[in-house]
């Protein structure tokens, strides 16, 4: 019968509460790091828009900043 149905596999023990909370905290820290990087990028784009004259270059910088804002919004929720 083992040839037909196979052998039961050993199960891993379920994670403890401490393991689960550590994993959640680690995930939260990584999200915070990503948000900090996006904030730094937004500051850089803000400075660039102040220095450039109105026109295509400034519109391109604004478009990049909008993409970063959308990424930030997705990371927050």
PDB file of N, CA and C in Angstrom:
ATOM      1  N   UNK A   1       0.808  -1.196   0.000  1.00  0.00           N
ATOM      2  CA  UNK A   1       0.000   0.000   0.000  1.00  0.00           C
ATOM      3  C   UNK A   1       0.852   1.260   0.000  1.00  0.00           C
ATOM      4  N   UNK A   2       2.050   1.172   0.579  1.00  0.00           N
ATOM      5  CA  UNK A   2       2.920   2.348   0.608  1.00  0.00           C
ATOM      6  C   UNK A   2       3.309   2.782  -0.796  1.00  0.00           C
ATOM      7  N   UNK A   3       3.430   1.807  -1.685  1.00  0.00           N
ATOM      8  CA  UNK A   3       3.788   2.144  -3.062  1.00  0.00           C
ATOM      9  C   UNK A   3       2.675   2.941  -3.737  1.00  0.00           C
ATOM     10  N   UNK A   4       1.460   2.657  -3.430  1.00  0.00           N
ATOM     11  CA  UNK A   4       0.319   3.317  -4.056  1.00  0.00           C
ATOM     12  C   UNK A   4       0.065   4.675  -3.416  1.00  0.00           C
ATOM     13  N   UNK A   5      -0.031   4.706  -2.107  1.00  0.00           N
ATOM     14  CA  UNK A   5      -0.424   5.925  -1.414  1.00  0.00           C
ATOM     15  C   UNK A   5       0.746   6.715  -0.846  1.00  0.00           C
ATOM     16  N   UNK A   6       1.920   6.125  -0.750  1.00  0.00           N
ATOM     17  CA  UNK A   6       3.067   6.824  -0.207  1.00  0.00           C
ATOM     18  C   UNK A   6       3.084   6.777   1.304  1.00  0.00           C
ATOM     19  N   UNK A   7       4.075   7.437   1.868  1.00  0.00           N
ATOM     20  CA  UNK A   7       4.247   7.442   3.313  1.00  0.00           C
ATOM     21  C   UNK A   7       3.915   8.829   3.833  1.00  0.00           C
ATOM     22  N   UNK A   8       3.356   8.902   5.007  1.00  0.00           N
ATOM     23  CA  UNK A   8       2.998  10.180   5.617  1.00  0.00           C
ATOM     24  C   UNK A   8       4.271  10.979   5.917  1.00  0.00           C
ATOM     25  N   UNK A   9       4.268  12.256   5.542  1.00  0.00           N
ATOM     26  CA  UNK A   9       5.431  13.105   5.759  1.00  0.00           C
ATOM     27  C   UNK A   9       5.410  13.670   7.175  1.00  0.00           C
ATOM     28  N   UNK A  10       6.606  13.890   7.709  1.00  0.00           N
ATOM     29  CA  UNK A  10       6.711  14.487   9.040  1.00  0.00           C
ATOM     30  C   UNK A  10       6.347  15.969   8.956  1.00  0.00           C
ATOM     31  N   UNK A  11       5.512  16.424   9.875  1.00  0.00           N
ATOM     32  CA  UNK A  11       5.110  17.834   9.904  1.00  0.00           C
ATOM     33  C   UNK A  11       6.052  18.614  10.803  1.00  0.00           C
ATOM     34  N   UNK A  12       6.292  19.876  10.418  1.00  0.00           N
ATOM     35  CA  UNK A  12       7.077  20.758  11.271  1.00  0.00           C
ATOM     36  C   UNK A  12       6.204  21.216  12.431  1.00  0.00           C
ATOM     37  N   UNK A  13       6.804  21.470  13.568  1.00  0.00           N
ATOM     38  CA  UNK A  13       5.985  21.975  14.678  1.00  0.00           C
ATOM     39  C   UNK A  13       5.485  23.379  14.343  1.00  0.00           C
ATOM     40  N   UNK A  14       4.288  23.740  14.773  1.00  0.00           N
ATOM     41  CA  UNK A  14       3.778  25.088  14.463  1.00  0.00           C
ATOM     42  C   UNK A  14       4.647  26.145  15.130  1.00  0.00           C
ATOM     43  N   UNK A  15       4.745  27.328  14.517  1.00  0.00           N
ATOM     44  CA  UNK A  15       5.591  28.374  15.097  1.00  0.00           C
ATOM     45  C   UNK A  15       5.040  28.837  16.450  1.00  0.00           C
ATOM     46  N   UNK A  16       5.952  29.184  17.324  1.00  0.00           N
ATOM     47  CA  UNK A  16       5.532  29.672  18.630  1.00  0.00           C
ATOM     48  C   UNK A  16       5.091  31.131  18.515  1.00  0.00           C
ATOM     49  N   UNK A  17       4.514  31.642  19.541  1.00  0.00           N
ATOM     50  CA  UNK A  17       4.051  33.035  19.536  1.00  0.00           C
ATOM     51  C   UNK A  17       5.240  33.979  19.401  1.00  0.00           C
ATOM     52  N   UNK A  18       6.347  33.628  20.034  1.00  0.00           N
ATOM     53  CA  UNK A  18       7.550  34.469  19.949  1.00  0.00           C
ATOM     54  C   UNK A  18       8.080  34.517  18.519  1.00  0.00           C
ATOM     55  N   UNK A  19       8.101  33.361  17.840  1.00  0.00           N
ATOM     56  CA  UNK A  19       8.558  33.327  16.449  1.00  0.00           C
ATOM     57  C   UNK A  19       7.661  34.181  15.551  1.00  0.00           C
ATOM     58  N   UNK A  20       6.365  34.064  15.752  1.00  0.00           N
ATOM     59  CA  UNK A  20       5.424  34.830  14.941  1.00  0.00           C
ATOM     60  C   UNK A  20       5.579  36.327  15.179  1.00  0.00           C
ATOM     61  N   UNK A  21       5.735  36.730  16.436  1.00  0.00           N
ATOM     62  CA  UNK A  21       5.872  38.164  16.727  1.00  0.00           C
ATOM     63  C   UNK A  21       7.199  38.701  16.193  1.00  0.00           C
ATOM     64  N   UNK A  22       8.254  37.893  16.246  1.00  0.00           N
ATOM     65  CA  UNK A  22       9.540  38.323  15.679  1.00  0.00           C
ATOM     66  C   UNK A  22       9.427  38.530  14.167  1.00  0.00           C
ATOM     67  N   UNK A  23       8.724  37.632  13.504  1.00  0.00           N
ATOM     68  CA  UNK A  23       8.552  37.750  12.058  1.00  0.00           C
ATOM     69  C   UNK A  23       7.749  38.999  11.700  1.00  0.00           C
ATOM     70  N   UNK A  24       6.715  39.292  12.470  1.00  0.00           N
ATOM     71  CA  UNK A  24       5.893  40.480  12.221  1.00  0.00           C
ATOM     72  C   UNK A  24       6.707  41.752  12.452  1.00  0.00           C
ATOM     73  N   UNK A  25       7.489  41.780  13.529  1.00  0.00           N
ATOM     74  CA  UNK A  25       8.323  42.953  13.805  1.00  0.00           C
ATOM     75  C   UNK A  25       9.366  43.162  12.719  1.00  0.00           C
ATOM     76  N   UNK A  26       9.939  42.085  12.232  1.00  0.00           N
ATOM     77  CA  UNK A  26      10.937  42.180  11.162  1.00  0.00           C
ATOM     78  C   UNK A  26      10.305  42.747   9.897  1.00  0.00           C
ATOM     79  N   UNK A  27       9.096  42.286   9.588  1.00  0.00           N
ATOM     80  CA  UNK A  27       8.391  42.776   8.401  1.00  0.00           C
ATOM     81  C   UNK A  27       8.074  44.262   8.545  1.00  0.00           C
ATOM     82  N   UNK A  28       7.658  44.678   9.748  1.00  0.00           N
ATOM     83  CA  UNK A  28       7.353  46.086   9.989  1.00  0.00           C
ATOM     84  C   UNK A  28       8.594  46.954   9.847  1.00  0.00           C
ATOM     85  N   UNK A  29       9.732  46.460  10.334  1.00  0.00           N
ATOM     86  CA  UNK A  29      10.979  47.220  10.213  1.00  0.00           C
ATOM     87  C   UNK A  29      11.385  47.383   8.754  1.00  0.00           C
ATOM     88  N   UNK A  30      11.210  46.334   7.956  1.00  0.00           N
ATOM     89  CA  UNK A  30      11.589  46.436   6.554  1.00  0.00           C
ATOM     90  C   UNK A  30      10.691  47.430   5.817  1.00  0.00           C
ATOM     91  N   UNK A  31       9.410  47.474   6.178  1.00  0.00           N
ATOM     92  CA  UNK A  31       8.491  48.432   5.549  1.00  0.00           C
ATOM     93  C   UNK A  31       8.888  49.857   5.928  1.00  0.00           C
ATOM     94  N   UNK A  32       9.255  50.062   7.192  1.00  0.00           N
ATOM     95  CA  UNK A  32       9.680  51.398   7.623  1.00  0.00           C
ATOM     96  C   UNK A  32      10.933  51.845   6.885  1.00  0.00           C
ATOM     97  N   UNK A  33      11.859  50.922   6.654  1.00  0.00           N
ATOM     98  CA  UNK A  33      13.073  51.261   5.909  1.00  0.00           C
ATOM     99  C   UNK A  33      12.740  51.671   4.475  1.00  0.00           C
ATOM    100  N   UNK A  34      11.822  50.937   3.848  1.00  0.00           N
ATOM    101  CA  UNK A  34      11.426  51.273   2.476  1.00  0.00           C
ATOM    102  C   UNK A  34      10.779  52.656   2.425  1.00  0.00           C
ATOM    103  N   UNK A  35       9.950  52.970   3.420  1.00  0.00           N
ATOM    104  CA  UNK A  35       9.284  54.272   3.444  1.00  0.00           C
ATOM    105  C   UNK A  35      10.300  55.387   3.633  1.00  0.00           C
ATOM    106  N   UNK A  36      11.314  55.168   4.468  1.00  0.00           N
ATOM    107  CA  UNK A  36      12.361  56.180   4.653  1.00  0.00           C
ATOM    108  C   UNK A  36      13.120  56.434   3.347  1.00  0.00           C
ATOM    109  N   UNK A  37      13.395  55.383   2.603  1.00  0.00           N
ATOM    110  CA  UNK A  37      14.090  55.547   1.321  1.00  0.00           C
ATOM    111  C   UNK A  37      13.229  56.340   0.339  1.00  0.00           C
ATOM    112  N   UNK A  38      11.933  56.039   0.317  1.00  0.00           N
ATOM    113  CA  UNK A  38      11.034  56.765  -0.583  1.00  0.00           C
ATOM    114  C   UNK A  38      10.927  58.233  -0.176  1.00  0.00           C
ATOM    115  N   UNK A  39      10.925  58.520   1.127  1.00  0.00           N
ATOM    116  CA  UNK A  39      10.891  59.912   1.589  1.00  0.00           C
ATOM    117  C   UNK A  39      12.136  60.663   1.138  1.00  0.00           C
ATOM    118  N   UNK A  40      13.292  60.014   1.243  1.00  0.00           N
ATOM    119  CA  UNK A  40      14.533  60.655   0.813  1.00  0.00           C
ATOM    120  C   UNK A  40      14.502  60.942  -0.690  1.00  0.00           C
ATOM    121  N   UNK A  41      13.942  60.006  -1.451  1.00  0.00           N
ATOM    122  CA  UNK A  41      13.834  60.214  -2.893  1.00  0.00           C
ATOM    123  C   UNK A  41      12.888  61.362  -3.214  1.00  0.00           C
ATOM    124  N   UNK A  42      11.793  61.472  -2.470  1.00  0.00           N
ATOM    125  CA  UNK A  42      10.853  62.575  -2.690  1.00  0.00           C
ATOM    126  C   UNK A  42      11.491  63.927  -2.380  1.00  0.00           C
ATOM    127  N   UNK A  43      12.289  63.985  -1.333  1.00  0.00           N
ATOM    128  CA  UNK A  43      12.989  65.233  -1.000  1.00  0.00           C
ATOM    129  C   UNK A  43      13.925  65.621  -2.130  1.00  0.00           C
ATOM    130  N   UNK A  44      14.620  64.640  -2.684  1.00  0.00           N
ATOM    131  CA  UNK A  44      15.529  64.915  -3.793  1.00  0.00           C
ATOM    132  C   UNK A  44      14.768  65.460  -5.008  1.00  0.00           C
ATOM    133  N   UNK A  45      13.614  64.860  -5.316  1.00  0.00           N
ATOM    134  CA  UNK A  45      12.814  65.340  -6.447  1.00  0.00           C
ATOM    135  C   UNK A  45      12.264  66.740  -6.186  1.00  0.00           C
ATOM    136  N   UNK A  46      11.909  67.031  -4.940  1.00  0.00           N
ATOM    137  CA  UNK A  46      11.400  68.362  -4.602  1.00  0.00           C
ATOM    138  C   UNK A  46      12.479  69.420  -4.851  1.00  0.00           C
ATOM    139  N   UNK A  47      13.702  69.107  -4.459  1.00  0.00           N
ATOM    140  CA  UNK A  47      14.808  70.041  -4.699  1.00  0.00           C
ATOM    141  C   UNK A  47      15.061  70.223  -6.191  1.00  0.00           C
ATOM    142  N   UNK A  48      14.955  69.153  -6.947  1.00  0.00           N
ATOM    143  CA  UNK A  48      15.161  69.244  -8.393  1.00  0.00           C
ATOM    144  C   UNK A  48      14.090  70.101  -9.053  1.00  0.00           C
ATOM    145  N   UNK A  49      12.843  69.968  -8.615  1.00  0.00           N
ATOM    146  CA  UNK A  49      11.784  70.772  -9.225  1.00  0.00           C
ATOM    147  C   UNK A  49      11.962  72.250  -8.918  1.00  0.00           C
ATOM    148  N   UNK A  50      12.529  72.567  -7.748  1.00  0.00           N
ATOM    149  CA  UNK A  50      12.774  73.971  -7.422  1.00  0.00           C
ATOM    150  C   UNK A  50      13.849  74.565  -8.322  1.00  0.00           C
ATOM    151  N   UNK A  51      14.824  73.754  -8.719  1.00  0.00           N
ATOM    152  CA  UNK A  51      15.956  74.255  -9.495  1.00  0.00           C
ATOM    153  C   UNK A  51      15.672  74.330 -10.990  1.00  0.00           C
ATOM    154  N   UNK A  52      14.749  73.510 -11.498  1.00  0.00           N
ATOM    155  CA  UNK A  52      14.502  73.495 -12.934  1.00  0.00           C
ATOM    156  C   UNK A  52      13.454  74.522 -13.332  1.00  0.00           C
ATOM    157  N   UNK A  53      13.550  74.945 -14.587  1.00  0.00           N
ATOM    158  CA  UNK A  53      12.563  75.888 -15.111  1.00  0.00           C
ATOM    159  C   UNK A  53      11.307  75.125 -15.516  1.00  0.00           C
ATOM    160  N   UNK A  54      10.152  75.800 -15.530  1.00  0.00           N
ATOM    161  CA  UNK A  54       8.924  75.135 -15.956  1.00  0.00           C
ATOM    162  C   UNK A  54       9.049  74.640 -17.394  1.00  0.00           C
ATOM    163  N   UNK A  55       8.567  73.462 -17.632  1.00  0.00           N
ATOM    164  CA  UNK A  55       8.645  72.881 -18.963  1.00  0.00           C
ATOM    165  C   UNK A  55       8.660  71.363 -18.885  1.00  0.00           C
ATOM    166  N   UNK A  56       9.208  70.751 -19.935  1.00  0.00           N
ATOM    167  CA  UNK A  56       9.209  69.294 -20.007  1.00  0.00           C
ATOM    168  C   UNK A  56      10.054  68.652 -18.910  1.00  0.00           C
ATOM    169  N   UNK A  57      11.190  69.237 -18.611  1.00  0.00           N
ATOM    170  CA  UNK A  57      12.075  68.659 -17.597  1.00  0.00           C
ATOM    171  C   UNK A  57      11.380  68.639 -16.237  1.00  0.00           C
ATOM    172  N   UNK A  58      10.736  69.734 -15.901  1.00  0.00           N
ATOM    173  CA  UNK A  58      10.057  69.804 -14.607  1.00  0.00           C
ATOM    174  C   UNK A  58       8.866  68.842 -14.569  1.00  0.00           C
ATOM    175  N   UNK A  59       8.171  68.705 -15.676  1.00  0.00           N
ATOM    176  CA  UNK A  59       7.034  67.779 -15.727  1.00  0.00           C
ATOM    177  C   UNK A  59       7.510  66.335 -15.564  1.00  0.00           C
ATOM    178  N   UNK A  60       8.664  66.002 -16.135  1.00  0.00           N
ATOM    179  CA  UNK A  60       9.208  64.650 -15.997  1.00  0.00           C
ATOM    180  C   UNK A  60       9.573  64.364 -14.541  1.00  0.00           C
ATOM    181  N   UNK A  61      10.156  65.347 -13.875  1.00  0.00           N
ATOM    182  CA  UNK A  61      10.516  65.177 -12.464  1.00  0.00           C
ATOM    183  C   UNK A  61       9.252  65.002 -11.618  1.00  0.00           C
ATOM    184  N   UNK A  62       8.224  65.781 -11.928  1.00  0.00           N
ATOM    185  CA  UNK A  62       6.968  65.656 -11.195  1.00  0.00           C
ATOM    186  C   UNK A  62       6.337  64.280 -11.412  1.00  0.00           C
ATOM    187  N   UNK A  63       6.438  63.760 -12.633  1.00  0.00           N
ATOM    188  CA  UNK A  63       5.883  62.438 -12.919  1.00  0.00           C
ATOM    189  C   UNK A  63       6.617  61.367 -12.117  1.00  0.00           C
ATOM    190  N   UNK A  64       7.952  61.486 -12.033  1.00  0.00           N
ATOM    191  CA  UNK A  64       8.721  60.528 -11.231  1.00  0.00           C
ATOM    192  C   UNK A  64       8.326  60.625  -9.760  1.00  0.00           C
ATOM    193  N   UNK A  65       8.141  61.846  -9.285  1.00  0.00           N
ATOM    194  CA  UNK A  65       7.743  62.042  -7.884  1.00  0.00           C
ATOM    195  C   UNK A  65       6.367  61.429  -7.622  1.00  0.00           C
ATOM    196  N   UNK A  66       5.461  61.541  -8.570  1.00  0.00           N
ATOM    197  CA  UNK A  66       4.134  60.951  -8.407  1.00  0.00           C
ATOM    198  C   UNK A  66       4.211  59.424  -8.331  1.00  0.00           C
ATOM    199  N   UNK A  67       5.101  58.822  -9.142  1.00  0.00           N
ATOM    200  CA  UNK A  67       5.281  57.379  -9.072  1.00  0.00           C
ATOM    201  C   UNK A  67       5.795  56.955  -7.697  1.00  0.00           C
ATOM    202  N   UNK A  68       6.718  57.740  -7.153  1.00  0.00           N
ATOM    203  CA  UNK A  68       7.266  57.433  -5.834  1.00  0.00           C
ATOM    204  C   UNK A  68       6.185  57.589  -4.768  1.00  0.00           C
ATOM    205  N   UNK A  69       5.340  58.616  -4.895  1.00  0.00           N
ATOM    206  CA  UNK A  69       4.238  58.797  -3.944  1.00  0.00           C
ATOM    207  C   UNK A  69       3.269  57.614  -3.972  1.00  0.00           C
ATOM    208  N   UNK A  70       2.999  57.093  -5.164  1.00  0.00           N
ATOM    209  CA  UNK A  70       2.109  55.937  -5.271  1.00  0.00           C
ATOM    210  C   UNK A  70       2.738  54.717  -4.608  1.00  0.00           C
ATOM    211  N   UNK A  71       4.048  54.543  -4.801  1.00  0.00           N
ATOM    212  CA  UNK A  71       4.738  53.428  -4.144  1.00  0.00           C
ATOM    213  C   UNK A  71       4.660  53.567  -2.633  1.00  0.00           C
ATOM    214  N   UNK A  72       4.851  54.794  -2.161  1.00  0.00           N
ATOM    215  CA  UNK A  72       4.804  55.040  -0.716  1.00  0.00           C
ATOM    216  C   UNK A  72       3.412  54.729  -0.166  1.00  0.00           C
ATOM    217  N   UNK A  73       2.390  55.122  -0.897  1.00  0.00           N
ATOM    218  CA  UNK A  73       1.025  54.866  -0.449  1.00  0.00           C
ATOM    219  C   UNK A  73       0.767  53.356  -0.384  1.00  0.00           C
ATOM    220  N   UNK A  74       1.287  52.592  -1.347  1.00  0.00           N
ATOM    221  CA  UNK A  74       1.110  51.148  -1.322  1.00  0.00           C
ATOM    222  C   UNK A  74       1.850  50.510  -0.150  1.00  0.00           C
ATOM    223  N   UNK A  75       3.007  51.059   0.207  1.00  0.00           N
ATOM    224  CA  UNK A  75       3.782  50.506   1.318  1.00  0.00           C
ATOM    225  C   UNK A  75       3.107  50.782   2.659  1.00  0.00           C
ATOM    226  N   UNK A  76       2.440  51.917   2.757  1.00  0.00           N
ATOM    227  CA  UNK A  76       1.825  52.288   4.027  1.00  0.00           C
ATOM    228  C   UNK A  76       0.615  51.433   4.348  1.00  0.00           C
ATOM    229  N   UNK A  77      -0.088  50.931   3.329  1.00  0.00           N
ATOM    230  CA  UNK A  77      -1.314  50.186   3.590  1.00  0.00           C
ATOM    231  C   UNK A  77      -1.168  48.728   3.292  1.00  0.00           C
TER     232      UNK A  77
END
